[in-house]
Amino acid sequence: MNLFLLSQLLACGAFMLDVLAFQFSRRVVSLTFLACSTSLLAFHFWLLDETSASGMMILAACRYLTATITTRSTLKWSFLGASVLCSLMTWQHPADALPLAGSLMMTLAAFQPDAGRLRILTLGGSLFWLSNNLLAGSPVAVVMEATFMMSTLISYRRLKQAKGMG
């Protein structure tokens, strides 16, 4: 099996976890699914020689696991700083700004105690990752991110309806 095919299979696994992630109302469960998904994506991007994106996904997995335990602001700022540092250390080309922007938005999202804000900020970060996946030439990751965005929108709507706001 060649490395590109393996990368696409890993992205498929992440895809399934992403679709499930926000179908749970408890943020801890959603964040746990996202930690598993981003772990697979770290390896996916590494196989595609997208070092910056891979590093951001490793940080994302750690961030999501941490956010299942706490939403402390000091940890949020630590992960924001780690994202910038990771980006500086792995920078290869201007497109590496996309994983950085996506990671920063997703970090802000992960440390939101409110499930609705978590989903809205996640959508913003997903736009940057969708752009990155297009430029990285990963068809499965593009479909995954677009579907993840739709799943997040659906779950946000369901969350609003459950709270009697929609």
C-alpha atoms as a PDB file:
ATOM      1  CA  MET A   1       0.000   0.000   0.000  1.00  0.00           C
ATOM      2  CA  ASN A   2       1.422   3.405  -0.912  1.00  0.00           C
ATOM      3  CA  LEU A   3       1.641   6.283   1.565  1.00  0.00           C
ATOM      4  CA  PHE A   4      -1.003   8.411  -0.173  1.00  0.00           C
ATOM      5  CA  LEU A   5      -3.568   5.608   0.024  1.00  0.00           C
ATOM      6  CA  LEU A   6      -2.729   4.997   3.677  1.00  0.00           C
ATOM      7  CA  SER A   7      -3.128   8.724   4.376  1.00  0.00           C
ATOM      8  CA  GLN A   8      -6.559   8.670   2.769  1.00  0.00           C
ATOM      9  CA  LEU A   9      -7.604   5.625   4.836  1.00  0.00           C
ATOM     10  CA  LEU A  10      -6.559   7.436   8.015  1.00  0.00           C
ATOM     11  CA  ALA A  11      -8.567  10.464   6.890  1.00  0.00           C
ATOM     12  CA  CYS A  12     -11.582   8.160   6.393  1.00  0.00           C
ATOM     13  CA  GLY A  13     -11.290   6.961   9.982  1.00  0.00           C
ATOM     14  CA  ALA A  14     -11.034  10.554  11.185  1.00  0.00           C
ATOM     15  CA  PHE A  15     -14.001  11.399   8.993  1.00  0.00           C
ATOM     16  CA  MET A  16     -16.224   8.870  10.759  1.00  0.00           C
ATOM     17  CA  LEU A  17     -15.181  10.132  14.188  1.00  0.00           C
ATOM     18  CA  ASP A  18     -15.740  13.759  13.159  1.00  0.00           C
ATOM     19  CA  VAL A  19     -19.262  13.077  11.927  1.00  0.00           C
ATOM     20  CA  LEU A  20     -20.116  11.450  15.253  1.00  0.00           C
ATOM     21  CA  ALA A  21     -18.358  14.026  17.436  1.00  0.00           C
ATOM     22  CA  PHE A  22     -21.021  16.695  17.639  1.00  0.00           C
ATOM     23  CA  GLN A  23     -23.997  14.367  17.653  1.00  0.00           C
ATOM     24  CA  PHE A  24     -23.599  14.080  21.408  1.00  0.00           C
ATOM     25  CA  SER A  25     -24.904  16.883  23.576  1.00  0.00           C
ATOM     26  CA  ARG A  26     -22.191  16.461  26.221  1.00  0.00           C
ATOM     27  CA  ARG A  27     -19.117  18.487  25.274  1.00  0.00           C
ATOM     28  CA  VAL A  28     -16.783  15.983  26.976  1.00  0.00           C
ATOM     29  CA  VAL A  29     -17.939  13.191  24.660  1.00  0.00           C
ATOM     30  CA  SER A  30     -17.656  15.460  21.609  1.00  0.00           C
ATOM     31  CA  LEU A  31     -14.159  16.530  22.618  1.00  0.00           C
ATOM     32  CA  THR A  32     -13.057  12.925  23.184  1.00  0.00           C
ATOM     33  CA  PHE A  33     -14.180  11.957  19.683  1.00  0.00           C
ATOM     34  CA  LEU A  34     -12.344  14.993  18.301  1.00  0.00           C
ATOM     35  CA  ALA A  35      -9.158  13.984  20.149  1.00  0.00           C
ATOM     36  CA  CYS A  36      -9.277  10.566  18.479  1.00  0.00           C
ATOM     37  CA  SER A  37     -10.011  12.099  15.082  1.00  0.00           C
ATOM     38  CA  THR A  38      -7.191  14.628  15.267  1.00  0.00           C
ATOM     39  CA  SER A  39      -4.749  11.894  16.288  1.00  0.00           C
ATOM     40  CA  LEU A  40      -5.530  10.080  13.045  1.00  0.00           C
ATOM     41  CA  LEU A  41      -5.279  13.317  11.084  1.00  0.00           C
ATOM     42  CA  ALA A  42      -1.838  14.072  12.531  1.00  0.00           C
ATOM     43  CA  PHE A  43      -0.535  10.871  10.980  1.00  0.00           C
ATOM     44  CA  HIS A  44      -2.519  11.558   7.772  1.00  0.00           C
ATOM     45  CA  PHE A  45      -0.833  14.943   7.290  1.00  0.00           C
ATOM     46  CA  TRP A  46       2.575  13.538   8.229  1.00  0.00           C
ATOM     47  CA  LEU A  47       2.237  10.966   5.457  1.00  0.00           C
ATOM     48  CA  LEU A  48       1.437  13.813   3.038  1.00  0.00           C
ATOM     49  CA  ASP A  49       4.586  15.661   4.195  1.00  0.00           C
ATOM     50  CA  GLU A  50       2.449  18.483   5.616  1.00  0.00           C
ATOM     51  CA  THR A  51       4.561  18.956   8.732  1.00  0.00           C
ATOM     52  CA  SER A  52       2.844  22.085  10.020  1.00  0.00           C
ATOM     53  CA  ALA A  53      -0.638  20.585   9.684  1.00  0.00           C
ATOM     54  CA  SER A  54       0.570  17.384  11.351  1.00  0.00           C
ATOM     55  CA  GLY A  55       2.017  19.311  14.279  1.00  0.00           C
ATOM     56  CA  MET A  56      -1.201  21.269  14.675  1.00  0.00           C
ATOM     57  CA  MET A  57      -3.181  18.031  14.782  1.00  0.00           C
ATOM     58  CA  ILE A  58      -0.920  16.588  17.495  1.00  0.00           C
ATOM     59  CA  LEU A  59      -1.506  19.752  19.504  1.00  0.00           C
ATOM     60  CA  ALA A  60      -5.224  19.515  18.762  1.00  0.00           C
ATOM     61  CA  ALA A  61      -5.454  15.997  20.176  1.00  0.00           C
ATOM     62  CA  CYS A  62      -3.716  17.143  23.369  1.00  0.00           C
ATOM     63  CA  ARG A  63      -5.891  20.258  23.504  1.00  0.00           C
ATOM     64  CA  TYR A  64      -9.142  18.326  23.158  1.00  0.00           C
ATOM     65  CA  LEU A  65      -8.134  15.848  25.843  1.00  0.00           C
ATOM     66  CA  THR A  66      -7.157  18.697  28.168  1.00  0.00           C
ATOM     67  CA  ALA A  67     -10.413  20.525  27.471  1.00  0.00           C
ATOM     68  CA  THR A  68     -12.386  17.449  28.567  1.00  0.00           C
ATOM     69  CA  ILE A  69     -11.017  18.072  32.046  1.00  0.00           C
ATOM     70  CA  THR A  70     -10.914  21.872  32.286  1.00  0.00           C
ATOM     71  CA  THR A  71     -11.772  25.115  30.495  1.00  0.00           C
ATOM     72  CA  ARG A  72      -9.192  27.140  32.468  1.00  0.00           C
ATOM     73  CA  SER A  73      -8.120  30.236  30.606  1.00  0.00           C
ATOM     74  CA  THR A  74      -4.426  29.736  31.403  1.00  0.00           C
ATOM     75  CA  LEU A  75      -4.425  26.410  29.562  1.00  0.00           C
ATOM     76  CA  LYS A  76      -6.254  27.957  26.620  1.00  0.00           C
ATOM     77  CA  TRP A  77      -3.525  30.597  26.346  1.00  0.00           C
ATOM     78  CA  SER A  78      -0.851  27.916  26.659  1.00  0.00           C
ATOM     79  CA  PHE A  79      -2.312  26.010  23.716  1.00  0.00           C
ATOM     80  CA  LEU A  80      -2.656  29.204  21.678  1.00  0.00           C
ATOM     81  CA  GLY A  81       1.039  29.927  22.292  1.00  0.00           C
ATOM     82  CA  ALA A  82       2.006  26.326  21.526  1.00  0.00           C
ATOM     83  CA  SER A  83       0.154  26.567  18.199  1.00  0.00           C
ATOM     84  CA  VAL A  84       2.088  29.680  17.205  1.00  0.00           C
ATOM     85  CA  LEU A  85       5.378  28.083  18.294  1.00  0.00           C
ATOM     86  CA  CYS A  86       4.602  24.864  16.405  1.00  0.00           C
ATOM     87  CA  SER A  87       3.772  26.860  13.298  1.00  0.00           C
ATOM     88  CA  LEU A  88       7.017  28.839  13.506  1.00  0.00           C
ATOM     89  CA  MET A  89       9.048  25.653  13.965  1.00  0.00           C
ATOM     90  CA  THR A  90       7.441  23.750  11.086  1.00  0.00           C
ATOM     91  CA  TRP A  91       6.766  26.598   8.630  1.00  0.00           C
ATOM     92  CA  GLN A  92       7.370  25.472   5.042  1.00  0.00           C
ATOM     93  CA  HIS A  93       5.299  27.827   2.883  1.00  0.00           C
ATOM     94  CA  PRO A  94       2.681  30.635   3.172  1.00  0.00           C
ATOM     95  CA  ALA A  95      -0.181  28.111   3.106  1.00  0.00           C
ATOM     96  CA  ASP A  96       0.967  27.000   6.579  1.00  0.00           C
ATOM     97  CA  ALA A  97      -0.899  30.041   7.879  1.00  0.00           C
ATOM     98  CA  LEU A  98      -4.129  28.094   7.285  1.00  0.00           C
ATOM     99  CA  PRO A  99      -3.441  25.306   9.817  1.00  0.00           C
ATOM    100  CA  LEU A 100      -2.300  27.963  12.290  1.00  0.00           C
ATOM    101  CA  ALA A 101      -5.494  29.993  11.904  1.00  0.00           C
ATOM    102  CA  GLY A 102      -7.599  26.830  12.103  1.00  0.00           C
ATOM    103  CA  SER A 103      -5.757  25.682  15.204  1.00  0.00           C
ATOM    104  CA  LEU A 104      -6.169  29.049  16.929  1.00  0.00           C
ATOM    105  CA  MET A 105      -9.922  29.066  16.257  1.00  0.00           C
ATOM    106  CA  MET A 106     -10.310  25.447  17.358  1.00  0.00           C
ATOM    107  CA  THR A 107      -8.379  26.194  20.553  1.00  0.00           C
ATOM    108  CA  LEU A 108     -10.739  29.036  21.388  1.00  0.00           C
ATOM    109  CA  ALA A 109     -13.615  26.653  20.664  1.00  0.00           C
ATOM    110  CA  ALA A 110     -12.340  23.777  22.789  1.00  0.00           C
ATOM    111  CA  PHE A 111     -12.101  25.895  25.913  1.00  0.00           C
ATOM    112  CA  GLN A 112     -15.629  27.276  25.643  1.00  0.00           C
ATOM    113  CA  PRO A 113     -17.782  25.957  28.469  1.00  0.00           C
ATOM    114  CA  ASP A 114     -20.902  26.645  26.364  1.00  0.00           C
ATOM    115  CA  ALA A 115     -21.701  23.878  23.847  1.00  0.00           C
ATOM    116  CA  GLY A 116     -23.202  26.365  21.374  1.00  0.00           C
ATOM    117  CA  ARG A 117     -20.138  28.619  21.316  1.00  0.00           C
ATOM    118  CA  LEU A 118     -17.965  25.527  21.010  1.00  0.00           C
ATOM    119  CA  ARG A 119     -19.762  24.639  17.778  1.00  0.00           C
ATOM    120  CA  ILE A 120     -19.790  28.164  16.290  1.00  0.00           C
ATOM    121  CA  LEU A 121     -16.059  28.702  16.830  1.00  0.00           C
ATOM    122  CA  THR A 122     -15.388  25.194  15.517  1.00  0.00           C
ATOM    123  CA  LEU A 123     -17.121  26.150  12.265  1.00  0.00           C
ATOM    124  CA  GLY A 124     -14.779  29.130  11.909  1.00  0.00           C
ATOM    125  CA  GLY A 125     -11.727  26.939  12.418  1.00  0.00           C
ATOM    126  CA  SER A 126     -13.103  24.377   9.986  1.00  0.00           C
ATOM    127  CA  LEU A 127     -13.146  26.951   7.186  1.00  0.00           C
ATOM    128  CA  PHE A 128      -9.375  27.334   7.530  1.00  0.00           C
ATOM    129  CA  TRP A 129      -8.842  23.567   7.637  1.00  0.00           C
ATOM    130  CA  LEU A 130     -11.053  23.077   4.577  1.00  0.00           C
ATOM    131  CA  SER A 131      -8.861  25.539   2.679  1.00  0.00           C
ATOM    132  CA  ASN A 132      -5.713  23.771   3.910  1.00  0.00           C
ATOM    133  CA  ASN A 133      -7.049  20.370   2.840  1.00  0.00           C
ATOM    134  CA  LEU A 134      -7.822  21.691  -0.643  1.00  0.00           C
ATOM    135  CA  LEU A 135      -4.267  23.012  -1.007  1.00  0.00           C
ATOM    136  CA  ALA A 136      -2.767  19.804   0.455  1.00  0.00           C
ATOM    137  CA  GLY A 137      -4.518  17.821  -2.300  1.00  0.00           C
ATOM    138  CA  SER A 138      -6.311  15.440   0.048  1.00  0.00           C
ATOM    139  CA  PRO A 139      -9.730  14.627  -1.402  1.00  0.00           C
ATOM    140  CA  VAL A 140     -10.876  12.594   1.593  1.00  0.00           C
ATOM    141  CA  ALA A 141      -9.854  15.360   4.002  1.00  0.00           C
ATOM    142  CA  VAL A 142     -11.785  17.928   1.923  1.00  0.00           C
ATOM    143  CA  VAL A 143     -14.952  15.817   1.993  1.00  0.00           C
ATOM    144  CA  MET A 144     -14.351  15.094   5.688  1.00  0.00           C
ATOM    145  CA  GLU A 145     -14.048  18.767   6.638  1.00  0.00           C
ATOM    146  CA  ALA A 146     -17.069  19.795   4.571  1.00  0.00           C
ATOM    147  CA  THR A 147     -19.152  17.004   6.108  1.00  0.00           C
ATOM    148  CA  PHE A 148     -17.839  17.871   9.574  1.00  0.00           C
ATOM    149  CA  MET A 149     -19.021  21.440   9.025  1.00  0.00           C
ATOM    150  CA  MET A 150     -22.482  20.225   8.018  1.00  0.00           C
ATOM    151  CA  SER A 151     -22.614  17.885  11.005  1.00  0.00           C
ATOM    152  CA  THR A 152     -21.592  20.742  13.301  1.00  0.00           C
ATOM    153  CA  LEU A 153     -24.323  22.978  11.863  1.00  0.00           C
ATOM    154  CA  ILE A 154     -26.933  20.249  12.316  1.00  0.00           C
ATOM    155  CA  SER A 155     -25.854  19.606  15.886  1.00  0.00           C
ATOM    156  CA  TYR A 156     -25.896  23.348  16.634  1.00  0.00           C
ATOM    157  CA  ARG A 157     -29.475  23.543  15.352  1.00  0.00           C
ATOM    158  CA  ARG A 158     -30.480  20.512  17.448  1.00  0.00           C
ATOM    159  CA  LEU A 159     -28.816  22.044  20.489  1.00  0.00           C
ATOM    160  CA  LYS A 160     -30.726  25.301  20.013  1.00  0.00           C
ATOM    161  CA  GLN A 161     -33.988  23.404  19.599  1.00  0.00           C
ATOM    162  CA  ALA A 162     -33.350  21.351  22.735  1.00  0.00           C
ATOM    163  CA  LYS A 163     -32.788  24.562  24.687  1.00  0.00           C
ATOM    164  CA  GLY A 164     -36.043  25.956  23.285  1.00  0.00           C
ATOM    165  CA  MET A 165     -34.304  28.720  21.341  1.00  0.00           C
ATOM    166  CA  GLY A 166     -35.211  27.689  17.834  1.00  0.00           C
END
